[in-house]
N, C-alpha and C. Protein backbone atom coordinates (compact mmCIF):
# COMPACT_ATOMS: atom_id res chain seq x y z
N UNK A 1 163.48 140.84 112.95
CA UNK A 1 163.63 139.48 113.15
C UNK A 1 162.43 138.39 113.62
N UNK A 2 161.62 139.16 114.54
CA UNK A 2 160.71 138.36 114.92
C UNK A 2 159.39 137.99 113.81
N UNK A 3 159.44 138.93 112.71
CA UNK A 3 158.36 138.72 111.84
C UNK A 3 159.03 137.62 110.92
N UNK A 4 160.42 137.88 110.55
CA UNK A 4 161.05 136.81 109.89
C UNK A 4 160.86 135.14 110.24
N UNK A 5 160.77 135.15 111.56
CA UNK A 5 160.80 133.66 112.17
C UNK A 5 158.91 133.39 111.96
N UNK A 6 158.28 134.42 112.36
CA UNK A 6 156.87 133.91 112.35
C UNK A 6 156.40 133.79 110.87
N UNK A 7 157.35 133.93 109.94
CA UNK A 7 156.43 134.09 108.57
C UNK A 7 156.51 132.25 108.18
N UNK A 8 155.03 132.21 107.76
CA UNK A 8 154.62 130.66 107.73
C UNK A 8 155.50 130.09 106.82
N UNK A 9 155.95 130.42 105.70
CA UNK A 9 156.89 129.63 105.07
C UNK A 9 158.48 129.22 105.67
N UNK A 10 158.87 130.37 106.59
CA UNK A 10 160.10 130.06 107.21
C UNK A 10 159.72 128.81 108.39
N UNK A 11 158.53 128.76 108.71
CA UNK A 11 158.20 127.82 109.81
C UNK A 11 158.10 126.57 109.30
N UNK A 12 157.43 126.31 108.08
CA UNK A 12 157.60 125.22 107.52
C UNK A 12 158.95 124.50 107.10
N UNK A 13 159.76 125.67 106.53
CA UNK A 13 161.16 125.04 106.25
C UNK A 13 161.75 124.69 107.75
N UNK A 14 161.83 125.39 108.77
CA UNK A 14 162.13 124.89 110.16
C UNK A 14 161.69 123.62 110.54
N UNK A 15 160.48 123.44 110.18
CA UNK A 15 159.79 121.85 110.68
C UNK A 15 160.28 120.73 109.82
N UNK A 16 160.69 121.22 108.60
CA UNK A 16 161.31 120.22 107.54
C UNK A 16 162.83 120.02 108.08
N UNK A 17 163.50 120.86 108.30
CA UNK A 17 164.68 120.72 108.70
C UNK A 17 164.90 119.91 110.01
N UNK A 18 163.92 120.12 111.08
CA UNK A 18 163.87 119.35 112.16
C UNK A 18 163.85 117.83 111.86
N UNK A 19 162.94 117.44 110.94
CA UNK A 19 162.66 116.11 110.71
C UNK A 19 163.54 115.40 110.00
N UNK A 20 164.50 116.34 109.45
CA UNK A 20 165.70 115.82 108.66
C UNK A 20 166.55 115.34 109.80
N UNK A 21 166.86 116.25 110.72
CA UNK A 21 167.94 116.14 111.63
C UNK A 21 167.51 114.71 112.82
N UNK A 22 166.36 114.94 112.85
CA UNK A 22 165.81 113.51 113.59
C UNK A 22 165.95 112.26 112.86
N UNK A 23 165.57 112.41 111.54
CA UNK A 23 165.68 111.12 110.64
C UNK A 23 167.15 110.64 110.68
N UNK A 24 167.88 111.69 110.43
CA UNK A 24 169.40 111.39 110.61
C UNK A 24 169.96 110.55 111.52
N UNK A 25 169.36 111.17 112.82
CA UNK A 25 170.01 110.65 114.15
C UNK A 25 169.28 109.06 114.10
N UNK A 26 168.27 109.04 114.03
CA UNK A 26 167.51 107.74 113.94
C UNK A 26 168.52 106.59 112.90
N UNK A 27 168.78 107.17 111.69
CA UNK A 27 169.49 106.19 110.85
C UNK A 27 170.78 105.74 111.31
N UNK A 28 171.74 106.65 112.35
CA UNK A 28 173.03 106.61 112.72
C UNK A 28 172.77 105.73 113.89
N UNK A 29 171.70 105.80 114.72
CA UNK A 29 171.76 105.12 115.76
C UNK A 29 170.58 103.80 115.53
N UNK A 30 170.31 103.47 114.36
CA UNK A 30 169.05 102.43 114.60
C UNK A 30 169.23 101.40 114.84
N UNK A 31 170.20 100.59 115.05
CA UNK A 31 170.41 99.42 115.74
C UNK A 31 169.98 99.28 117.06
N UNK A 32 170.62 100.70 117.83
CA UNK A 32 170.32 100.58 119.06
C UNK A 32 168.60 101.09 119.42
N UNK A 33 168.18 102.01 118.64
CA UNK A 33 166.68 102.04 118.72
C UNK A 33 166.06 100.85 118.81
N UNK A 34 166.34 100.10 117.71
CA UNK A 34 165.51 99.22 117.39
C UNK A 34 165.69 97.87 118.53
N UNK A 35 166.69 97.94 119.14
CA UNK A 35 166.73 96.91 120.30
C UNK A 35 166.43 97.39 121.55
N UNK A 36 166.06 98.81 121.50
CA UNK A 36 165.48 99.23 122.71
C UNK A 36 163.80 98.97 122.69
N UNK A 37 163.44 99.39 121.62
CA UNK A 37 161.75 99.17 121.15
C UNK A 37 161.26 97.93 120.64
N UNK A 38 162.26 96.95 120.65
CA UNK A 38 162.06 95.69 119.83
C UNK A 38 160.91 94.98 120.65
N UNK A 39 159.73 94.63 119.96
CA UNK A 39 158.73 93.91 120.45
C UNK A 39 159.26 92.29 121.29
N UNK A 40 158.38 91.71 122.19
CA UNK A 40 158.88 90.66 122.36
C UNK A 40 159.35 89.66 121.20
N UNK A 41 160.31 88.74 121.44
CA UNK A 41 161.05 87.62 120.39
C UNK A 41 160.05 86.73 121.04
N UNK A 42 158.93 86.44 120.20
CA UNK A 42 157.57 85.90 120.66
C UNK A 42 157.52 84.60 119.59
N UNK A 43 158.37 84.38 118.76
CA UNK A 43 158.50 83.66 117.97
C UNK A 43 159.84 83.32 117.39
N UNK A 44 160.12 82.17 116.55
CA UNK A 44 161.57 81.70 116.05
C UNK A 44 162.07 82.73 115.27
N UNK A 45 161.19 83.82 114.70
CA UNK A 45 161.92 84.61 113.63
C UNK A 45 162.87 85.68 114.43
N UNK A 46 163.99 85.77 113.95
CA UNK A 46 164.91 86.61 114.44
C UNK A 46 165.82 85.88 115.41
N UNK A 47 165.52 84.82 115.52
CA UNK A 47 166.42 83.67 116.51
C UNK A 47 167.36 82.69 115.54
N UNK A 48 168.81 82.58 116.04
CA UNK A 48 169.53 81.64 115.64
C UNK A 48 169.51 80.48 116.55
N UNK A 49 169.23 79.31 116.08
CA UNK A 49 169.46 78.07 116.74
C UNK A 49 170.83 77.45 116.95
N UNK A 50 171.39 77.09 118.16
CA UNK A 50 172.66 76.82 118.38
C UNK A 50 172.28 75.17 119.27
N UNK A 51 172.05 74.35 118.44
CA UNK A 51 171.81 72.97 118.97
C UNK A 51 170.51 72.83 119.54
N UNK A 52 169.68 71.79 119.86
CA UNK A 52 168.46 71.85 120.73
C UNK A 52 167.51 71.81 119.47
N UNK A 53 165.97 71.17 120.08
CA UNK A 53 165.08 71.01 119.39
C UNK A 53 164.01 72.48 119.76
N UNK A 54 164.15 73.34 118.90
CA UNK A 54 163.16 74.78 119.42
C UNK A 54 161.96 74.98 118.72
N UNK A 55 160.87 75.32 119.43
CA UNK A 55 159.48 75.34 118.64
C UNK A 55 159.12 76.79 119.33
N UNK A 56 158.00 77.15 118.62
CA UNK A 56 157.30 78.25 119.04
C UNK A 56 155.70 78.31 118.98
N UNK A 57 155.21 78.18 120.20
CA UNK A 57 153.65 77.95 120.27
C UNK A 57 153.09 79.08 121.01
N UNK A 58 152.04 79.93 120.53
CA UNK A 58 151.33 80.71 121.52
C UNK A 58 152.22 81.65 122.37
N UNK A 59 152.89 82.30 121.51
CA UNK A 59 154.29 83.12 122.12
C UNK A 59 155.15 82.48 123.03
N UNK A 60 155.21 81.30 123.17
CA UNK A 60 156.00 80.67 124.05
C UNK A 60 156.92 79.87 123.11
N UNK A 61 158.35 80.27 123.44
CA UNK A 61 159.58 79.46 123.12
C UNK A 61 159.97 78.53 124.03
N UNK A 62 160.03 76.96 123.14
CA UNK A 62 160.38 75.85 123.99
C UNK A 62 161.67 75.11 123.62
N UNK A 63 162.50 74.48 124.34
CA UNK A 63 163.36 73.55 123.90
C UNK A 63 163.06 71.94 124.43
N UNK A 64 163.04 71.20 123.47
CA UNK A 64 162.17 69.77 123.91
C UNK A 64 163.57 68.88 123.94
N UNK A 65 164.79 69.47 124.15
CA UNK A 65 165.94 68.41 123.92
C UNK A 65 166.63 68.66 125.45
N UNK A 66 167.19 67.68 125.89
CA UNK A 66 167.94 67.31 127.08
C UNK A 66 169.31 67.51 126.71
N UNK A 67 169.63 68.72 125.70
CA UNK A 67 170.98 69.03 125.64
C UNK A 67 172.12 69.75 126.38
N UNK A 68 173.38 69.49 126.30
CA UNK A 68 174.44 69.78 127.48
C UNK A 68 174.46 71.51 126.51
N UNK A 69 173.68 72.16 126.91
CA UNK A 69 173.83 73.84 126.58
C UNK A 69 173.45 74.02 125.27
N UNK A 70 172.18 73.68 125.20
CA UNK A 70 171.54 74.06 123.77
C UNK A 70 171.19 75.83 124.05
N UNK A 71 171.36 76.28 122.83
CA UNK A 71 171.30 77.76 122.79
C UNK A 71 170.31 78.09 121.73
N UNK A 72 169.43 79.33 122.12
CA UNK A 72 168.76 80.09 121.00
C UNK A 72 169.28 81.58 120.80
N UNK A 73 169.91 81.98 119.86
CA UNK A 73 170.64 83.19 119.96
C UNK A 73 169.70 84.19 119.31
N UNK A 74 169.67 85.64 119.59
CA UNK A 74 168.78 86.46 119.22
C UNK A 74 169.73 87.32 117.98
N UNK A 75 169.17 87.16 117.36
CA UNK A 75 170.08 88.09 116.10
C UNK A 75 169.74 89.33 116.23
N UNK A 76 170.79 90.37 115.64
CA UNK A 76 170.63 92.08 115.85
C UNK A 76 170.62 92.25 117.23
N UNK A 77 171.35 91.51 118.12
CA UNK A 77 171.15 91.88 119.52
C UNK A 77 172.66 92.36 120.16
N UNK A 78 173.71 92.49 119.26
CA UNK A 78 174.85 92.52 119.79
C UNK A 78 174.92 93.96 120.35
N UNK A 79 175.75 93.81 121.54
CA UNK A 79 175.67 95.32 122.43
C UNK A 79 176.58 95.15 123.34
N UNK A 80 176.68 96.15 124.29
CA UNK A 80 177.78 96.13 125.35
C UNK A 80 176.72 96.39 126.59
N UNK A 81 176.15 97.60 126.86
CA UNK A 81 175.36 97.57 128.20
C UNK A 81 174.08 97.43 127.59
N UNK A 82 173.38 96.29 128.10
CA UNK A 82 172.08 96.07 128.30
C UNK A 82 171.44 94.74 128.91
N UNK A 83 170.33 94.52 128.62
CA UNK A 83 169.85 93.84 129.67
C UNK A 83 168.93 92.75 128.68
N UNK A 84 168.71 91.37 129.20
CA UNK A 84 167.74 90.38 128.70
C UNK A 84 166.77 89.89 129.76
N UNK A 85 165.78 90.08 129.46
CA UNK A 85 164.78 89.62 130.51
C UNK A 85 163.71 88.68 129.75
N UNK A 86 163.22 87.74 130.80
CA UNK A 86 162.27 86.37 130.18
C UNK A 86 161.41 85.78 131.12
N UNK A 87 160.21 85.32 131.25
CA UNK A 87 159.78 84.31 132.14
C UNK A 87 160.39 82.87 131.76
N UNK A 88 160.73 82.25 132.69
CA UNK A 88 161.21 81.13 132.38
C UNK A 88 160.76 79.72 133.05
N UNK A 89 160.38 78.87 132.40
CA UNK A 89 159.60 77.49 133.29
C UNK A 89 160.52 76.07 132.50
N UNK A 90 160.51 75.37 133.81
CA UNK A 90 160.83 74.16 133.74
C UNK A 90 159.74 73.22 133.04
N UNK A 91 159.84 72.33 132.06
CA UNK A 91 158.84 71.58 131.71
C UNK A 91 159.02 70.11 132.11
N UNK A 92 160.16 69.55 131.66
CA UNK A 92 160.59 67.96 132.09
C UNK A 92 162.17 68.18 132.40
N UNK A 93 162.46 67.58 133.47
CA UNK A 93 163.69 67.13 133.93
C UNK A 93 164.10 65.82 133.96
N UNK A 94 165.36 65.07 134.06
CA UNK A 94 165.37 63.91 134.62
C UNK A 94 164.92 63.30 136.03
N UNK A 95 163.95 62.88 136.08
CA UNK A 95 163.38 62.09 137.14
C UNK A 95 164.36 61.57 138.06
N UNK A 96 165.36 60.97 137.86
CA UNK A 96 166.28 60.29 138.68
C UNK A 96 167.06 61.24 139.60
N UNK A 97 167.30 62.71 138.78
CA UNK A 97 168.36 63.21 139.57
C UNK A 97 167.81 64.77 140.07
N UNK A 98 166.86 65.17 139.02
CA UNK A 98 166.41 66.58 139.03
C UNK A 98 167.31 67.58 138.77
N UNK A 99 168.24 66.92 137.91
CA UNK A 99 169.47 67.98 137.77
C UNK A 99 169.05 68.76 136.41
N UNK A 100 169.52 69.89 136.33
CA UNK A 100 169.25 70.66 135.12
C UNK A 100 169.09 72.35 135.29
N UNK A 101 169.28 73.14 134.19
CA UNK A 101 169.51 74.69 134.87
C UNK A 101 168.90 75.07 133.14
N UNK A 102 168.37 76.50 133.31
CA UNK A 102 167.56 77.13 132.28
C UNK A 102 167.74 78.38 132.41
N UNK A 103 168.11 79.28 131.57
CA UNK A 103 168.24 80.78 131.65
C UNK A 103 168.75 81.64 130.65
N UNK A 104 169.42 82.57 130.64
CA UNK A 104 169.44 83.78 130.10
C UNK A 104 171.10 84.00 129.32
N UNK A 105 171.33 84.20 128.20
CA UNK A 105 172.85 84.59 128.12
C UNK A 105 172.97 85.82 127.50
N UNK A 106 174.16 86.51 127.78
CA UNK A 106 174.50 87.83 127.48
C UNK A 106 175.86 88.05 127.17
N UNK A 107 176.03 89.09 126.09
CA UNK A 107 177.50 89.22 125.87
C UNK A 107 178.09 88.36 125.12
N UNK A 108 177.34 87.47 124.54
CA UNK A 108 178.00 86.09 123.88
C UNK A 108 178.38 86.30 122.60
N UNK A 109 179.68 85.51 122.18
CA UNK A 109 180.45 85.49 120.69
C UNK A 109 180.78 84.53 120.78
N UNK A 110 180.65 84.02 119.22
CA UNK A 110 181.07 82.83 118.71
C UNK A 110 180.63 81.72 119.16
N UNK A 111 178.99 81.65 119.12
CA UNK A 111 178.48 80.60 120.10
C UNK A 111 178.40 79.50 118.95
N UNK A 112 178.71 78.10 119.50
CA UNK A 112 178.84 76.75 118.82
C UNK A 112 178.00 75.75 119.58
N UNK A 113 177.73 74.81 118.83
CA UNK A 113 177.11 73.54 119.38
C UNK A 113 178.31 73.05 120.43
N UNK A 114 177.70 72.70 121.66
CA UNK A 114 178.54 72.00 122.82
C UNK A 114 178.51 72.64 123.90
N UNK A 115 179.07 72.04 124.79
CA UNK A 115 178.97 72.31 126.42
C UNK A 115 179.99 73.82 126.42
N UNK A 116 179.28 74.80 126.88
CA UNK A 116 179.99 76.01 127.03
C UNK A 116 180.69 76.53 126.08
N UNK A 117 180.27 76.28 124.91
CA UNK A 117 181.14 76.51 123.47
C UNK A 117 180.78 77.91 123.22
N UNK A 118 181.20 78.80 123.88
CA UNK A 118 180.81 80.23 123.52
C UNK A 118 181.53 81.34 124.23
N UNK A 119 182.10 82.43 124.17
CA UNK A 119 182.35 83.41 125.04
C UNK A 119 181.25 84.29 125.49
N UNK A 120 180.90 84.34 126.60
CA UNK A 120 179.92 85.04 127.43
C UNK A 120 179.46 84.91 128.75
N UNK A 121 178.39 85.28 129.01
CA UNK A 121 177.90 85.24 130.58
C UNK A 121 176.48 84.52 130.52
N UNK A 122 176.11 83.84 131.44
CA UNK A 122 174.88 83.28 131.45
C UNK A 122 174.63 83.18 133.19
N UNK A 123 173.31 83.45 133.14
CA UNK A 123 172.62 83.37 134.48
C UNK A 123 171.39 82.58 134.30
N UNK A 124 171.25 81.56 135.25
CA UNK A 124 170.06 80.72 135.10
C UNK A 124 169.60 80.06 136.51
N UNK A 125 168.59 79.29 136.37
CA UNK A 125 167.84 78.56 137.68
C UNK A 125 168.38 77.22 137.54
N UNK A 126 168.78 76.71 138.57
CA UNK A 126 169.46 75.43 138.87
C UNK A 126 168.40 74.71 139.77
N UNK A 127 168.02 73.38 139.34
CA UNK A 127 167.30 72.63 140.03
C UNK A 127 167.72 71.91 141.20
N UNK A 128 168.93 71.34 140.92
CA UNK A 128 169.46 70.23 141.98
C UNK A 128 169.90 70.86 143.30
N UNK A 129 170.40 72.31 143.24
CA UNK A 129 170.61 72.96 144.60
C UNK A 129 169.74 74.21 144.83
N UNK A 130 168.92 74.23 143.80
CA UNK A 130 167.79 75.56 144.08
C UNK A 130 168.43 76.67 144.13
N UNK A 131 169.25 77.23 143.16
CA UNK A 131 169.96 78.21 143.19
C UNK A 131 169.98 79.04 141.99
N UNK A 132 169.90 80.22 142.05
CA UNK A 132 170.28 81.39 140.83
C UNK A 132 171.93 81.10 140.71
N UNK A 133 172.39 80.89 139.42
CA UNK A 133 173.85 80.74 139.14
C UNK A 133 174.27 82.02 138.16
N UNK A 134 175.14 82.70 138.32
CA UNK A 134 175.88 83.34 137.33
C UNK A 134 177.17 82.94 137.06
N UNK A 135 177.57 82.98 135.66
CA UNK A 135 178.65 82.42 135.49
C UNK A 135 179.20 82.71 134.05
N UNK A 136 180.55 82.79 133.62
CA UNK A 136 181.30 83.10 132.39
C UNK A 136 181.26 81.55 131.79
N UNK A 137 181.23 82.13 130.48
CA UNK A 137 181.67 80.80 129.58
C UNK A 137 183.15 81.35 128.50
N UNK A 138 184.04 80.58 128.77
CA UNK A 138 185.17 80.90 127.71
C UNK A 138 185.50 79.85 127.17
N UNK A 139 184.67 78.82 126.51
CA UNK A 139 184.96 77.54 125.87
C UNK A 139 185.49 76.61 127.16
N UNK A 140 184.94 77.01 128.39
CA UNK A 140 184.95 76.14 129.62
C UNK A 140 183.98 76.89 130.55
N UNK A 141 183.79 76.50 131.71
CA UNK A 141 182.68 77.06 132.53
C UNK A 141 183.36 77.55 133.75
N UNK A 142 183.11 78.76 134.04
CA UNK A 142 183.46 79.72 135.15
C UNK A 142 182.57 80.22 136.38
N UNK A 143 182.17 79.58 137.09
CA UNK A 143 181.18 80.07 137.90
C UNK A 143 181.44 81.18 138.89
N UNK A 144 180.68 82.43 138.81
CA UNK A 144 181.23 83.53 139.28
C UNK A 144 180.57 83.64 140.45
N UNK A 145 179.11 83.37 140.88
CA UNK A 145 178.41 83.63 141.80
C UNK A 145 177.18 82.54 141.94
N UNK A 146 176.90 82.25 142.93
CA UNK A 146 175.38 81.52 143.45
C UNK A 146 174.60 82.08 144.47
N UNK A 147 173.24 81.93 144.72
CA UNK A 147 172.63 82.33 145.47
C UNK A 147 171.57 81.42 146.00
N UNK A 148 171.34 80.81 146.70
CA UNK A 148 170.15 79.88 147.31
C UNK A 148 168.85 80.57 146.89
N UNK A 149 167.94 80.23 146.16
CA UNK A 149 166.50 80.83 145.84
C UNK A 149 165.92 80.88 147.31
N UNK A 150 165.18 82.24 147.34
CA UNK A 150 164.19 82.48 148.21
C UNK A 150 162.89 81.66 148.42
N UNK A 151 162.80 81.59 147.03
CA UNK A 151 161.28 80.50 146.59
C UNK A 151 162.01 79.44 146.12
N UNK A 152 161.64 78.21 146.29
CA UNK A 152 161.93 76.92 145.81
C UNK A 152 161.58 76.87 144.34
N UNK A 153 161.98 76.27 143.37
CA UNK A 153 161.68 76.05 142.03
C UNK A 153 160.66 74.85 142.25
N UNK A 154 159.86 75.14 141.11
CA UNK A 154 159.12 73.75 140.79
C UNK A 154 158.66 73.64 139.17
N UNK A 155 158.59 72.51 138.79
CA UNK A 155 158.33 72.23 137.38
C UNK A 155 157.04 72.49 137.12
N UNK A 156 156.86 73.25 135.69
CA UNK A 156 155.64 74.04 135.30
C UNK A 156 155.09 75.26 135.71
N UNK A 157 156.05 75.97 136.64
CA UNK A 157 155.68 77.10 137.07
C UNK A 157 156.72 77.99 136.45
N UNK A 158 156.04 79.52 136.15
CA UNK A 158 157.13 80.24 135.45
C UNK A 158 157.54 81.46 136.52
N UNK A 159 158.96 81.65 135.98
CA UNK A 159 159.73 82.69 136.96
C UNK A 159 160.25 83.91 136.41
N UNK A 160 160.42 84.82 136.34
CA UNK A 160 160.75 86.19 135.70
C UNK A 160 162.00 86.48 136.13
N UNK A 161 163.13 86.21 134.95
CA UNK A 161 164.67 86.26 135.30
C UNK A 161 164.82 87.34 134.46
N UNK A 162 165.81 87.99 134.88
CA UNK A 162 166.34 89.36 134.13
C UNK A 162 168.20 89.42 134.63
N UNK A 163 168.87 89.50 133.38
CA UNK A 163 170.58 89.35 133.39
C UNK A 163 170.76 90.89 132.66
N UNK A 164 171.69 91.67 133.48
CA UNK A 164 171.91 92.97 132.99
C UNK A 164 173.31 93.00 133.04
N UNK A 165 174.05 93.41 132.16
CA UNK A 165 175.24 93.82 131.99
C UNK A 165 175.75 95.57 131.79
N UNK A 166 176.37 96.11 132.71
CA UNK A 166 176.44 97.50 132.53
C UNK A 166 178.23 97.66 133.26
N UNK A 167 178.75 98.25 131.71
CA UNK A 167 180.14 98.00 132.05
C UNK A 167 180.59 96.61 132.60
N UNK A 168 181.37 96.68 133.72
CA UNK A 168 181.92 95.12 134.22
C UNK A 168 181.23 94.76 135.34
N UNK A 169 180.13 95.46 135.47
CA UNK A 169 179.12 95.00 136.80
C UNK A 169 177.98 94.06 135.71
N UNK A 170 177.79 92.79 136.66
CA UNK A 170 176.54 92.31 136.14
C UNK A 170 175.52 91.98 137.47
N UNK A 171 174.31 91.77 136.91
CA UNK A 171 173.42 91.67 137.97
C UNK A 171 172.56 90.60 137.42
N UNK A 172 171.76 89.55 138.27
CA UNK A 172 170.79 88.64 137.62
C UNK A 172 169.85 88.73 138.99
N UNK A 173 168.43 88.66 138.53
CA UNK A 173 167.39 88.74 139.58
C UNK A 173 166.32 87.82 138.90
N UNK A 174 165.74 87.11 140.20
CA UNK A 174 164.52 86.15 139.42
C UNK A 174 163.47 86.46 140.65
N UNK A 175 162.17 86.85 139.63
CA UNK A 175 161.21 86.83 140.70
C UNK A 175 159.84 85.85 140.32
N UNK A 176 159.63 85.22 141.18
CA UNK A 176 158.55 84.14 141.04
C UNK A 176 157.12 84.97 140.85
N UNK A 177 156.36 84.05 140.42
CA UNK A 177 155.17 84.80 140.53
C UNK A 177 154.07 84.60 141.42
N UNK A 178 152.98 85.38 141.70
CA UNK A 178 152.23 85.53 142.73
C UNK A 178 152.87 86.03 143.77
N UNK A 179 153.87 86.83 143.50
CA UNK A 179 154.26 87.91 144.76
C UNK A 179 155.11 87.24 145.35
N UNK A 180 155.69 86.12 145.49
CA UNK A 180 156.66 85.29 146.29
C UNK A 180 158.08 86.08 146.32
N UNK A 181 158.83 85.89 147.39
CA UNK A 181 160.03 86.60 147.40
C UNK A 181 160.77 86.13 146.11
N UNK A 182 161.70 87.17 145.92
CA UNK A 182 162.75 86.96 144.75
C UNK A 182 163.98 87.06 145.25
N UNK A 183 165.27 86.85 144.40
CA UNK A 183 166.47 86.75 144.49
C UNK A 183 167.25 87.30 143.70
N UNK A 184 168.34 88.05 144.34
CA UNK A 184 169.13 88.70 143.51
C UNK A 184 170.86 88.57 143.50
N UNK A 185 171.44 88.43 142.56
CA UNK A 185 172.93 88.42 142.57
C UNK A 185 173.64 89.72 141.70
N UNK A 186 174.57 89.79 142.46
CA UNK A 186 175.63 91.08 141.78
C UNK A 186 176.96 90.84 141.91
N UNK A 187 177.72 90.91 140.58
CA UNK A 187 178.94 90.47 140.61
C UNK A 187 179.75 91.50 139.75
N UNK A 188 180.94 91.80 140.14
CA UNK A 188 181.84 92.57 139.20
C UNK A 188 182.97 91.85 138.61
N UNK A 189 183.09 91.67 137.50
CA UNK A 189 184.00 90.65 136.66
C UNK A 189 185.32 91.93 136.28
N UNK A 190 186.30 91.83 136.93
CA UNK A 190 187.60 92.91 136.70
C UNK A 190 188.06 92.86 135.26
N UNK A 191 187.95 91.64 134.67
CA UNK A 191 188.43 91.53 133.43
C UNK A 191 187.17 91.04 132.48
N UNK A 192 186.26 92.03 132.49
CA UNK A 192 185.17 91.39 131.84
C UNK A 192 185.16 91.57 130.24
N UNK A 193 184.14 90.73 129.74
CA UNK A 193 183.82 90.68 128.33
C UNK A 193 182.86 91.84 128.10
N UNK A 194 183.14 92.46 126.82
CA UNK A 194 182.51 93.75 126.69
C UNK A 194 181.49 93.74 125.68
N UNK A 195 181.22 93.06 124.72
CA UNK A 195 180.13 93.04 123.73
C UNK A 195 179.88 91.61 123.42
N UNK A 196 178.48 91.32 122.83
CA UNK A 196 178.23 90.01 122.45
C UNK A 196 176.65 90.30 122.19
N UNK A 197 176.16 89.13 121.91
CA UNK A 197 174.71 88.98 121.77
C UNK A 197 174.04 88.30 122.91
N UNK A 198 172.81 88.16 122.89
CA UNK A 198 171.88 87.88 124.00
C UNK A 198 171.48 86.70 123.47
N UNK A 199 170.87 85.94 124.34
CA UNK A 199 169.99 84.27 123.94
C UNK A 199 169.57 83.97 125.26
N UNK A 200 168.88 82.41 124.93
CA UNK A 200 168.29 81.77 125.66
C UNK A 200 169.12 80.35 125.95
N UNK A 201 169.24 79.62 127.04
CA UNK A 201 169.95 78.51 127.50
C UNK A 201 169.50 77.72 128.17
N UNK A 202 169.61 76.44 128.05
CA UNK A 202 169.24 75.30 128.85
C UNK A 202 169.95 74.07 128.79
N UNK A 203 170.13 73.33 130.04
CA UNK A 203 171.26 72.53 130.23
C UNK A 203 170.70 71.26 130.95
N UNK A 204 170.54 70.09 130.13
CA UNK A 204 169.84 68.97 130.72
C UNK A 204 168.53 69.15 131.53
N UNK A 205 167.98 70.13 130.53
CA UNK A 205 166.52 70.49 131.15
C UNK A 205 165.69 70.67 129.84
N UNK A 206 164.35 70.16 129.83
CA UNK A 206 163.39 70.80 128.74
C UNK A 206 162.59 71.83 129.38
N UNK A 207 162.63 73.22 128.75
CA UNK A 207 162.33 74.22 129.42
C UNK A 207 161.65 75.38 128.45
N UNK A 208 160.81 76.33 128.55
CA UNK A 208 160.19 77.34 127.94
C UNK A 208 160.48 78.50 128.50
N UNK A 209 160.21 79.68 127.53
CA UNK A 209 160.68 81.03 127.63
C UNK A 209 159.46 81.94 126.91
N UNK A 210 159.00 82.80 127.54
CA UNK A 210 157.96 83.69 127.14
C UNK A 210 158.30 85.29 127.50
N UNK A 211 157.67 86.39 126.79
CA UNK A 211 157.96 87.86 127.23
C UNK A 211 159.32 88.17 127.09
N UNK A 212 160.17 87.64 126.10
CA UNK A 212 161.52 87.97 125.94
C UNK A 212 161.82 89.57 125.75
N UNK A 213 162.39 90.11 126.32
CA UNK A 213 162.87 91.33 126.05
C UNK A 213 164.29 91.65 126.17
N UNK A 214 164.86 92.60 125.06
CA UNK A 214 166.28 92.94 125.00
C UNK A 214 165.95 94.41 125.35
N UNK A 215 166.91 95.11 126.20
CA UNK A 215 166.62 96.53 126.38
C UNK A 215 168.22 97.18 126.64
N UNK A 216 168.23 98.28 125.63
CA UNK A 216 169.68 99.03 125.87
C UNK A 216 169.61 99.82 127.13
N UNK A 217 170.59 99.80 128.02
CA UNK A 217 170.73 100.59 129.00
C UNK A 217 171.53 101.97 128.56
C-alpha cells in the first residue's frame, strides 16, 4: 500500500484531485470569498449611487451634496453576518446649525432616494450633539442607541468607523486619529433585519470616506 501511495503518478493524480476540490469549494462560496478579501472600495466602480453628488479622487470617496440621506451602495455586498469599516471625514456643514451626520449602512434592502427610504441599519457620527448614533430604517427612522463621543468631532479630521452585524447583535465603534479615546455602542435588536447590502450615507453634510472595507464574519 505504501508503494502504491508513493508512486509518482499516483501522487500527481492526488494533487490534481485536491486542486479540483479546492476550486469547487471556491466556486460554490465565491461571493463570500470575494467579499472577505475584496480590496478597498476606493473608486466609484462597484458602487450604486442613491442620490447625492458622489466623486472619487486619490482613493477618497466624497459626497458634495447636502442631501437628506444620500447613499452610496456597495454592489455585490449582500450578506448576513459581516462588517463595514471606513475612515470618515466631515468636509462642510451648515455654518448656522452645525447639524448633520455621516456614517455607514449595513443589511440594507430596497434603497431608494429620500429620507430613510430603505430597510437597514445605520451607524454615524452626529455633529450637533457630538454623538455616535445607531439606528434602524424601515422607511422611517428608529434610533436604537446613542453615546456621547469621548473625543469631540472636528471638520476636516478623519475618524475610523466600523459597523458590525452578527446575528441580531449590532456594534459600532469610532476611533479618532492620533490615538485619542474612542467610543463604542452595542445593541441587540430582538426582531432584527437579517440580510442586506452595505453602503455609505450622509445627512445634511458634505463628507468623505476612505479605506472602505467589507468583511464577512
